[in-house]
Amino acid sequence: MSYPDLAAVREAGLAAKARAEALLLHGPALLDTHREKRSFKRFIGRVWIPRPADLAVPPDTLRTLTIDHTLFVDIADVLIAEGHRQPLPG
């Protein structure tokens, strides 16, 4: 079994954190939560942000929500589409 380069994982994590912070500072965010019955009644949430002007992926490839003529996108979808994720080992 090979282990990932921890320095590279840390660097990628810091880049994802910086992008998430920038996206959250872009405007208001909406938090959608519910209790998940299948996972010990934990709260599951989704964070929606207004579509960023610098979004490099088409919004039709992301989950969207429109409120008062404002298009919101799922921040997790944005981060994944921009490559801020690590492949799972195995």
PDB file of N, CA and C in Angstrom:
ATOM      1  N   MET A   1       0.837  -1.172   0.000  1.00  0.00           N
ATOM      2  CA  MET A   1       0.000   0.000   0.000  1.00  0.00           C
ATOM      3  C   MET A   1       0.886   1.242   0.000  1.00  0.00           C
ATOM      4  N   SER A   2       0.596   2.170  -0.892  1.00  0.00           N
ATOM      5  CA  SER A   2       1.390   3.394  -0.929  1.00  0.00           C
ATOM      6  C   SER A   2       0.623   4.525  -0.243  1.00  0.00           C
ATOM      7  N   TYR A   3       1.354   5.374   0.417  1.00  0.00           N
ATOM      8  CA  TYR A   3       0.747   6.489   1.137  1.00  0.00           C
ATOM      9  C   TYR A   3       0.978   7.783   0.357  1.00  0.00           C
ATOM     10  N   PRO A   4       0.020   8.710   0.420  1.00  0.00           N
ATOM     11  CA  PRO A   4       0.186   9.965  -0.319  1.00  0.00           C
ATOM     12  C   PRO A   4       1.282  10.824   0.305  1.00  0.00           C
ATOM     13  N   ASP A   5       1.847  11.684  -0.513  1.00  0.00           N
ATOM     14  CA  ASP A   5       2.841  12.649  -0.063  1.00  0.00           C
ATOM     15  C   ASP A   5       2.121  13.640   0.851  1.00  0.00           C
ATOM     16  N   LEU A   6       2.426  13.602   2.141  1.00  0.00           N
ATOM     17  CA  LEU A   6       1.693  14.432   3.106  1.00  0.00           C
ATOM     18  C   LEU A   6       1.849  15.920   2.847  1.00  0.00           C
ATOM     19  N   ALA A   7       3.000  16.343   2.359  1.00  0.00           N
ATOM     20  CA  ALA A   7       3.200  17.764   2.047  1.00  0.00           C
ATOM     21  C   ALA A   7       2.281  18.184   0.903  1.00  0.00           C
ATOM     22  N   ALA A   8       2.124  17.324  -0.100  1.00  0.00           N
ATOM     23  CA  ALA A   8       1.247  17.630  -1.235  1.00  0.00           C
ATOM     24  C   ALA A   8      -0.215  17.651  -0.797  1.00  0.00           C
ATOM     25  N   VAL A   9      -0.581  16.734   0.084  1.00  0.00           N
ATOM     26  CA  VAL A   9      -1.959  16.706   0.593  1.00  0.00           C
ATOM     27  C   VAL A   9      -2.242  17.967   1.388  1.00  0.00           C
ATOM     28  N   ARG A  10      -1.295  18.376   2.209  1.00  0.00           N
ATOM     29  CA  ARG A  10      -1.462  19.607   3.000  1.00  0.00           C
ATOM     30  C   ARG A  10      -1.595  20.822   2.085  1.00  0.00           C
ATOM     31  N   GLU A  11      -0.742  20.909   1.081  1.00  0.00           N
ATOM     32  CA  GLU A  11      -0.782  22.029   0.142  1.00  0.00           C
ATOM     33  C   GLU A  11      -2.132  22.078  -0.596  1.00  0.00           C
ATOM     34  N   ALA A  12      -2.612  20.927  -1.029  1.00  0.00           N
ATOM     35  CA  ALA A  12      -3.901  20.863  -1.720  1.00  0.00           C
ATOM     36  C   ALA A  12      -5.039  21.256  -0.780  1.00  0.00           C
ATOM     37  N   GLY A  13      -4.956  20.824   0.457  1.00  0.00           N
ATOM     38  CA  GLY A  13      -5.972  21.180   1.447  1.00  0.00           C
ATOM     39  C   GLY A  13      -6.004  22.671   1.732  1.00  0.00           C
ATOM     40  N   LEU A  14      -4.831  23.269   1.826  1.00  0.00           N
ATOM     41  CA  LEU A  14      -4.765  24.722   2.059  1.00  0.00           C
ATOM     42  C   LEU A  14      -5.300  25.500   0.856  1.00  0.00           C
ATOM     43  N   ALA A  15      -5.045  24.997  -0.356  1.00  0.00           N
ATOM     44  CA  ALA A  15      -5.571  25.649  -1.562  1.00  0.00           C
ATOM     45  C   ALA A  15      -7.096  25.559  -1.594  1.00  0.00           C
ATOM     46  N   ALA A  16      -7.640  24.402  -1.234  1.00  0.00           N
ATOM     47  CA  ALA A  16      -9.094  24.232  -1.197  1.00  0.00           C
ATOM     48  C   ALA A  16      -9.710  25.136  -0.130  1.00  0.00           C
ATOM     49  N   LYS A  17      -9.057  25.236   1.016  1.00  0.00           N
ATOM     50  CA  LYS A  17      -9.541  26.102   2.084  1.00  0.00           C
ATOM     51  C   LYS A  17      -9.555  27.565   1.640  1.00  0.00           C
ATOM     52  N   ALA A  18      -8.481  27.999   0.991  1.00  0.00           N
ATOM     53  CA  ALA A  18      -8.399  29.385   0.519  1.00  0.00           C
ATOM     54  C   ALA A  18      -9.495  29.681  -0.500  1.00  0.00           C
ATOM     55  N   ARG A  19      -9.747  28.739  -1.412  1.00  0.00           N
ATOM     56  CA  ARG A  19     -10.795  28.946  -2.417  1.00  0.00           C
ATOM     57  C   ARG A  19     -12.165  28.973  -1.751  1.00  0.00           C
ATOM     58  N   ALA A  20     -12.417  28.090  -0.801  1.00  0.00           N
ATOM     59  CA  ALA A  20     -13.701  28.082  -0.094  1.00  0.00           C
ATOM     60  C   ALA A  20     -13.913  29.396   0.650  1.00  0.00           C
ATOM     61  N   GLU A  21     -12.867  29.896   1.302  1.00  0.00           N
ATOM     62  CA  GLU A  21     -12.983  31.179   2.005  1.00  0.00           C
ATOM     63  C   GLU A  21     -13.298  32.308   1.034  1.00  0.00           C
ATOM     64  N   ALA A  22     -12.626  32.314  -0.116  1.00  0.00           N
ATOM     65  CA  ALA A  22     -12.881  33.352  -1.127  1.00  0.00           C
ATOM     66  C   ALA A  22     -14.315  33.266  -1.636  1.00  0.00           C
ATOM     67  N   LEU A  23     -14.804  32.059  -1.858  1.00  0.00           N
ATOM     68  CA  LEU A  23     -16.180  31.890  -2.332  1.00  0.00           C
ATOM     69  C   LEU A  23     -17.191  32.359  -1.285  1.00  0.00           C
ATOM     70  N   LEU A  24     -16.913  32.079  -0.024  1.00  0.00           N
ATOM     71  CA  LEU A  24     -17.840  32.463   1.042  1.00  0.00           C
ATOM     72  C   LEU A  24     -17.826  33.967   1.287  1.00  0.00           C
ATOM     73  N   LEU A  25     -16.735  34.633   0.985  1.00  0.00           N
ATOM     74  CA  LEU A  25     -16.663  36.086   1.141  1.00  0.00           C
ATOM     75  C   LEU A  25     -17.295  36.811  -0.043  1.00  0.00           C
ATOM     76  N   HIS A  26     -17.620  36.072  -1.096  1.00  0.00           N
ATOM     77  CA  HIS A  26     -18.181  36.618  -2.324  1.00  0.00           C
ATOM     78  C   HIS A  26     -19.573  37.226  -2.118  1.00  0.00           C
ATOM     79  N   GLY A  27     -20.325  36.705  -1.175  1.00  0.00           N
ATOM     80  CA  GLY A  27     -21.684  37.205  -0.953  1.00  0.00           C
ATOM     81  C   GLY A  27     -22.385  36.365   0.085  1.00  0.00           C
ATOM     82  N   PRO A  28     -23.703  36.515   0.182  1.00  0.00           N
ATOM     83  CA  PRO A  28     -24.432  35.747   1.193  1.00  0.00           C
ATOM     84  C   PRO A  28     -24.402  34.252   0.873  1.00  0.00           C
ATOM     85  N   ALA A  29     -24.428  33.459   1.905  1.00  0.00           N
ATOM     86  CA  ALA A  29     -24.484  32.007   1.737  1.00  0.00           C
ATOM     87  C   ALA A  29     -25.760  31.489   2.375  1.00  0.00           C
ATOM     88  N   LEU A  30     -26.297  30.438   1.803  1.00  0.00           N
ATOM     89  CA  LEU A  30     -27.473  29.777   2.352  1.00  0.00           C
ATOM     90  C   LEU A  30     -27.049  28.406   2.859  1.00  0.00           C
ATOM     91  N   LEU A  31     -27.547  28.028   4.002  1.00  0.00           N
ATOM     92  CA  LEU A  31     -27.243  26.725   4.569  1.00  0.00           C
ATOM     93  C   LEU A  31     -28.528  25.923   4.624  1.00  0.00           C
ATOM     94  N   ASP A  32     -28.535  24.781   3.970  1.00  0.00           N
ATOM     95  CA  ASP A  32     -29.690  23.891   3.925  1.00  0.00           C
ATOM     96  C   ASP A  32     -29.324  22.642   4.720  1.00  0.00           C
ATOM     97  N   THR A  33     -30.034  22.392   5.809  1.00  0.00           N
ATOM     98  CA  THR A  33     -29.705  21.232   6.644  1.00  0.00           C
ATOM     99  C   THR A  33     -30.927  20.351   6.859  1.00  0.00           C
ATOM    100  N   HIS A  34     -30.667  19.116   7.163  1.00  0.00           N
ATOM    101  CA  HIS A  34     -31.716  18.188   7.586  1.00  0.00           C
ATOM    102  C   HIS A  34     -31.061  17.068   8.396  1.00  0.00           C
ATOM    103  N   ARG A  35     -31.886  16.401   9.189  1.00  0.00           N
ATOM    104  CA  ARG A  35     -31.378  15.259   9.954  1.00  0.00           C
ATOM    105  C   ARG A  35     -31.455  14.025   9.083  1.00  0.00           C
ATOM    106  N   GLU A  36     -30.356  13.333   9.008  1.00  0.00           N
ATOM    107  CA  GLU A  36     -30.268  12.129   8.203  1.00  0.00           C
ATOM    108  C   GLU A  36     -30.598  10.929   9.078  1.00  0.00           C
ATOM    109  N   LYS A  37     -31.704  10.287   8.795  1.00  0.00           N
ATOM    110  CA  LYS A  37     -32.149   9.146   9.616  1.00  0.00           C
ATOM    111  C   LYS A  37     -31.212   7.954   9.496  1.00  0.00           C
ATOM    112  N   ARG A  38     -30.573   7.796   8.337  1.00  0.00           N
ATOM    113  CA  ARG A  38     -29.709   6.635   8.116  1.00  0.00           C
ATOM    114  C   ARG A  38     -28.332   6.794   8.727  1.00  0.00           C
ATOM    115  N   SER A  39     -27.961   7.993   9.171  1.00  0.00           N
ATOM    116  CA  SER A  39     -26.607   8.186   9.708  1.00  0.00           C
ATOM    117  C   SER A  39     -26.658   8.691  11.146  1.00  0.00           C
ATOM    118  N   PHE A  40     -27.376   7.957  11.974  1.00  0.00           N
ATOM    119  CA  PHE A  40     -27.436   8.240  13.409  1.00  0.00           C
ATOM    120  C   PHE A  40     -28.003   9.625  13.709  1.00  0.00           C
ATOM    121  N   LYS A  41     -28.920  10.094  12.854  1.00  0.00           N
ATOM    122  CA  LYS A  41     -29.617  11.377  13.034  1.00  0.00           C
ATOM    123  C   LYS A  41     -28.674  12.567  13.057  1.00  0.00           C
ATOM    124  N   ARG A  42     -27.556  12.463  12.349  1.00  0.00           N
ATOM    125  CA  ARG A  42     -26.647  13.596  12.229  1.00  0.00           C
ATOM    126  C   ARG A  42     -27.253  14.632  11.286  1.00  0.00           C
ATOM    127  N   PHE A  43     -26.847  15.865  11.475  1.00  0.00           N
ATOM    128  CA  PHE A  43     -27.272  16.898  10.541  1.00  0.00           C
ATOM    129  C   PHE A  43     -26.407  16.817   9.287  1.00  0.00           C
ATOM    130  N   ILE A  44     -27.058  16.867   8.154  1.00  0.00           N
ATOM    131  CA  ILE A  44     -26.396  16.896   6.862  1.00  0.00           C
ATOM    132  C   ILE A  44     -26.691  18.271   6.274  1.00  0.00           C
ATOM    133  N   GLY A  45     -25.698  18.901   5.690  1.00  0.00           N
ATOM    134  CA  GLY A  45     -25.924  20.237   5.168  1.00  0.00           C
ATOM    135  C   GLY A  45     -25.350  20.446   3.788  1.00  0.00           C
ATOM    136  N   ARG A  46     -25.892  21.437   3.140  1.00  0.00           N
ATOM    137  CA  ARG A  46     -25.409  21.876   1.838  1.00  0.00           C
ATOM    138  C   ARG A  46     -25.285  23.394   1.909  1.00  0.00           C
ATOM    139  N   VAL A  47     -24.166  23.923   1.422  1.00  0.00           N
ATOM    140  CA  VAL A  47     -23.937  25.365   1.432  1.00  0.00           C
ATOM    141  C   VAL A  47     -24.106  25.882   0.008  1.00  0.00           C
ATOM    142  N   TRP A  48     -25.006  26.848  -0.150  1.00  0.00           N
ATOM    143  CA  TRP A  48     -25.290  27.456  -1.442  1.00  0.00           C
ATOM    144  C   TRP A  48     -24.705  28.865  -1.450  1.00  0.00           C
ATOM    145  N   ILE A  49     -24.029  29.221  -2.544  1.00  0.00           N
ATOM    146  CA  ILE A  49     -23.448  30.558  -2.685  1.00  0.00           C
ATOM    147  C   ILE A  49     -23.920  31.156  -4.009  1.00  0.00           C
ATOM    148  N   PRO A  50     -23.991  32.493  -4.107  1.00  0.00           N
ATOM    149  CA  PRO A  50     -24.322  33.080  -5.406  1.00  0.00           C
ATOM    150  C   PRO A  50     -23.269  32.663  -6.432  1.00  0.00           C
ATOM    151  N   ARG A  51     -23.705  32.443  -7.664  1.00  0.00           N
ATOM    152  CA  ARG A  51     -22.776  32.010  -8.705  1.00  0.00           C
ATOM    153  C   ARG A  51     -21.640  33.023  -8.831  1.00  0.00           C
ATOM    154  N   PRO A  52     -20.389  32.577  -8.575  1.00  0.00           N
ATOM    155  CA  PRO A  52     -19.252  33.498  -8.672  1.00  0.00           C
ATOM    156  C   PRO A  52     -19.003  33.928 -10.118  1.00  0.00           C
ATOM    157  N   ALA A  53     -18.586  35.177 -10.291  1.00  0.00           N
ATOM    158  CA  ALA A  53     -18.292  35.686 -11.629  1.00  0.00           C
ATOM    159  C   ALA A  53     -17.104  34.958 -12.250  1.00  0.00           C
ATOM    160  N   ASP A  54     -16.167  34.490 -11.422  1.00  0.00           N
ATOM    161  CA  ASP A  54     -14.973  33.819 -11.945  1.00  0.00           C
ATOM    162  C   ASP A  54     -15.135  32.307 -12.057  1.00  0.00           C
ATOM    163  N   LEU A  55     -16.376  31.835 -12.020  1.00  0.00           N
ATOM    164  CA  LEU A  55     -16.623  30.400 -12.091  1.00  0.00           C
ATOM    165  C   LEU A  55     -16.170  29.862 -13.445  1.00  0.00           C
ATOM    166  N   ALA A  56     -15.254  28.906 -13.428  1.00  0.00           N
ATOM    167  CA  ALA A  56     -14.655  28.395 -14.656  1.00  0.00           C
ATOM    168  C   ALA A  56     -15.433  27.240 -15.268  1.00  0.00           C
ATOM    169  N   VAL A  57     -16.468  26.774 -14.600  1.00  0.00           N
ATOM    170  CA  VAL A  57     -17.265  25.660 -15.125  1.00  0.00           C
ATOM    171  C   VAL A  57     -18.682  26.156 -15.393  1.00  0.00           C
ATOM    172  N   PRO A  58     -19.344  25.593 -16.395  1.00  0.00           N
ATOM    173  CA  PRO A  58     -20.712  26.028 -16.681  1.00  0.00           C
ATOM    174  C   PRO A  58     -21.637  25.678 -15.512  1.00  0.00           C
ATOM    175  N   PRO A  59     -22.512  26.610 -15.121  1.00  0.00           N
ATOM    176  CA  PRO A  59     -23.398  26.330 -13.991  1.00  0.00           C
ATOM    177  C   PRO A  59     -24.348  25.167 -14.236  1.00  0.00           C
ATOM    178  N   ASP A  60     -24.594  24.808 -15.495  1.00  0.00           N
ATOM    179  CA  ASP A  60     -25.504  23.686 -15.745  1.00  0.00           C
ATOM    180  C   ASP A  60     -24.877  22.345 -15.403  1.00  0.00           C
ATOM    181  N   THR A  61     -23.587  22.333 -15.025  1.00  0.00           N
ATOM    182  CA  THR A  61     -22.943  21.092 -14.578  1.00  0.00           C
ATOM    183  C   THR A  61     -22.970  20.980 -13.052  1.00  0.00           C
ATOM    184  N   LEU A  62     -23.546  21.977 -12.387  1.00  0.00           N
ATOM    185  CA  LEU A  62     -23.595  22.026 -10.926  1.00  0.00           C
ATOM    186  C   LEU A  62     -25.037  21.991 -10.441  1.00  0.00           C
ATOM    187  N   ARG A  63     -25.218  21.620  -9.186  1.00  0.00           N
ATOM    188  CA  ARG A  63     -26.547  21.768  -8.577  1.00  0.00           C
ATOM    189  C   ARG A  63     -26.797  23.254  -8.398  1.00  0.00           C
ATOM    190  N   THR A  64     -27.983  23.700  -8.741  1.00  0.00           N
ATOM    191  CA  THR A  64     -28.302  25.120  -8.629  1.00  0.00           C
ATOM    192  C   THR A  64     -29.624  25.316  -7.896  1.00  0.00           C
ATOM    193  N   LEU A  65     -29.790  26.525  -7.422  1.00  0.00           N
ATOM    194  CA  LEU A  65     -30.993  26.934  -6.712  1.00  0.00           C
ATOM    195  C   LEU A  65     -31.200  28.407  -7.053  1.00  0.00           C
ATOM    196  N   THR A  66     -32.407  28.785  -7.450  1.00  0.00           N
ATOM    197  CA  THR A  66     -32.689  30.181  -7.765  1.00  0.00           C
ATOM    198  C   THR A  66     -33.641  30.750  -6.720  1.00  0.00           C
ATOM    199  N   ILE A  67     -33.227  31.860  -6.123  1.00  0.00           N
ATOM    200  CA  ILE A  67     -34.046  32.563  -5.136  1.00  0.00           C
ATOM    201  C   ILE A  67     -34.025  34.041  -5.489  1.00  0.00           C
ATOM    202  N   ASP A  68     -35.200  34.616  -5.646  1.00  0.00           N
ATOM    203  CA  ASP A  68     -35.316  36.042  -5.981  1.00  0.00           C
ATOM    204  C   ASP A  68     -34.403  36.428  -7.145  1.00  0.00           C
ATOM    205  N   HIS A  69     -34.441  35.651  -8.206  1.00  0.00           N
ATOM    206  CA  HIS A  69     -33.688  35.907  -9.439  1.00  0.00           C
ATOM    207  C   HIS A  69     -32.174  35.811  -9.260  1.00  0.00           C
ATOM    208  N   THR A  70     -31.727  35.237  -8.156  1.00  0.00           N
ATOM    209  CA  THR A  70     -30.289  35.030  -7.934  1.00  0.00           C
ATOM    210  C   THR A  70     -29.996  33.545  -8.062  1.00  0.00           C
ATOM    211  N   LEU A  71     -29.014  33.210  -8.900  1.00  0.00           N
ATOM    212  CA  LEU A  71     -28.617  31.820  -9.088  1.00  0.00           C
ATOM    213  C   LEU A  71     -27.577  31.446  -8.041  1.00  0.00           C
ATOM    214  N   PHE A  72     -27.910  30.457  -7.230  1.00  0.00           N
ATOM    215  CA  PHE A  72     -26.993  29.928  -6.226  1.00  0.00           C
ATOM    216  C   PHE A  72     -26.466  28.585  -6.705  1.00  0.00           C
ATOM    217  N   VAL A  73     -25.208  28.286  -6.380  1.00  0.00           N
ATOM    218  CA  VAL A  73     -24.591  26.997  -6.711  1.00  0.00           C
ATOM    219  C   VAL A  73     -24.084  26.357  -5.430  1.00  0.00           C
ATOM    220  N   ASP A  74     -23.979  25.042  -5.459  1.00  0.00           N
ATOM    221  CA  ASP A  74     -23.485  24.272  -4.316  1.00  0.00           C
ATOM    222  C   ASP A  74     -21.969  24.460  -4.230  1.00  0.00           C
ATOM    223  N   ILE A  75     -21.485  24.967  -3.114  1.00  0.00           N
ATOM    224  CA  ILE A  75     -20.054  25.245  -2.973  1.00  0.00           C
ATOM    225  C   ILE A  75     -19.219  23.968  -3.110  1.00  0.00           C
ATOM    226  N   ALA A  76     -19.731  22.841  -2.665  1.00  0.00           N
ATOM    227  CA  ALA A  76     -18.985  21.579  -2.804  1.00  0.00           C
ATOM    228  C   ALA A  76     -18.817  21.223  -4.275  1.00  0.00           C
ATOM    229  N   ASP A  77     -19.875  21.420  -5.075  1.00  0.00           N
ATOM    230  CA  ASP A  77     -19.780  21.146  -6.509  1.00  0.00           C
ATOM    231  C   ASP A  77     -18.731  22.036  -7.165  1.00  0.00           C
ATOM    232  N   VAL A  78     -18.692  23.301  -6.764  1.00  0.00           N
ATOM    233  CA  VAL A  78     -17.707  24.239  -7.322  1.00  0.00           C
ATOM    234  C   VAL A  78     -16.295  23.768  -6.996  1.00  0.00           C
ATOM    235  N   LEU A  79     -16.057  23.429  -5.740  1.00  0.00           N
ATOM    236  CA  LEU A  79     -14.718  22.994  -5.329  1.00  0.00           C
ATOM    237  C   LEU A  79     -14.295  21.718  -6.055  1.00  0.00           C
ATOM    238  N   ILE A  80     -15.219  20.792  -6.204  1.00  0.00           N
ATOM    239  CA  ILE A  80     -14.904  19.544  -6.918  1.00  0.00           C
ATOM    240  C   ILE A  80     -14.633  19.834  -8.392  1.00  0.00           C
ATOM    241  N   ALA A  81     -15.482  20.647  -9.023  1.00  0.00           N
ATOM    242  CA  ALA A  81     -15.314  20.961 -10.447  1.00  0.00           C
ATOM    243  C   ALA A  81     -14.003  21.689 -10.715  1.00  0.00           C
ATOM    244  N   GLU A  82     -13.547  22.466  -9.755  1.00  0.00           N
ATOM    245  CA  GLU A  82     -12.283  23.191  -9.918  1.00  0.00           C
ATOM    246  C   GLU A  82     -11.061  22.347  -9.552  1.00  0.00           C
ATOM    247  N   GLY A  83     -11.283  21.085  -9.187  1.00  0.00           N
ATOM    248  CA  GLY A  83     -10.168  20.191  -8.918  1.00  0.00           C
ATOM    249  C   GLY A  83      -9.662  20.177  -7.493  1.00  0.00           C
ATOM    250  N   HIS A  84     -10.414  20.743  -6.562  1.00  0.00           N
ATOM    251  CA  HIS A  84      -9.983  20.761  -5.159  1.00  0.00           C
ATOM    252  C   HIS A  84     -10.473  19.506  -4.437  1.00  0.00           C
ATOM    253  N   ARG A  85      -9.887  18.412  -4.775  1.00  0.00           N
ATOM    254  CA  ARG A  85     -10.201  17.143  -4.102  1.00  0.00           C
ATOM    255  C   ARG A  85      -9.039  16.203  -4.288  1.00  0.00           C
ATOM    256  N   GLN A  86      -8.964  15.244  -3.440  1.00  0.00           N
ATOM    257  CA  GLN A  86      -7.916  14.236  -3.514  1.00  0.00           C
ATOM    258  C   GLN A  86      -8.573  12.903  -3.881  1.00  0.00           C
ATOM    259  N   PRO A  87      -7.984  12.146  -4.791  1.00  0.00           N
ATOM    260  CA  PRO A  87      -8.561  10.818  -5.089  1.00  0.00           C
ATOM    261  C   PRO A  87      -8.465   9.921  -3.864  1.00  0.00           C
ATOM    262  N   LEU A  88      -9.456   9.077  -3.705  1.00  0.00           N
ATOM    263  CA  LEU A  88      -9.443   8.121  -2.608  1.00  0.00           C
ATOM    264  C   LEU A  88      -8.440   7.025  -2.914  1.00  0.00           C
ATOM    265  N   PRO A  89      -7.688   6.583  -1.890  1.00  0.00           N
ATOM    266  CA  PRO A  89      -6.729   5.507  -2.141  1.00  0.00           C
ATOM    267  C   PRO A  89      -7.432   4.189  -2.454  1.00  0.00           C
ATOM    268  N   GLY A  90      -6.768   3.371  -3.249  1.00  0.00           N
ATOM    269  CA  GLY A  90      -7.307   2.054  -3.512  1.00  0.00           C
ATOM    270  C   GLY A  90      -8.009   1.897  -4.741  1.00  0.00           C
TER     271      GLY A  90
END
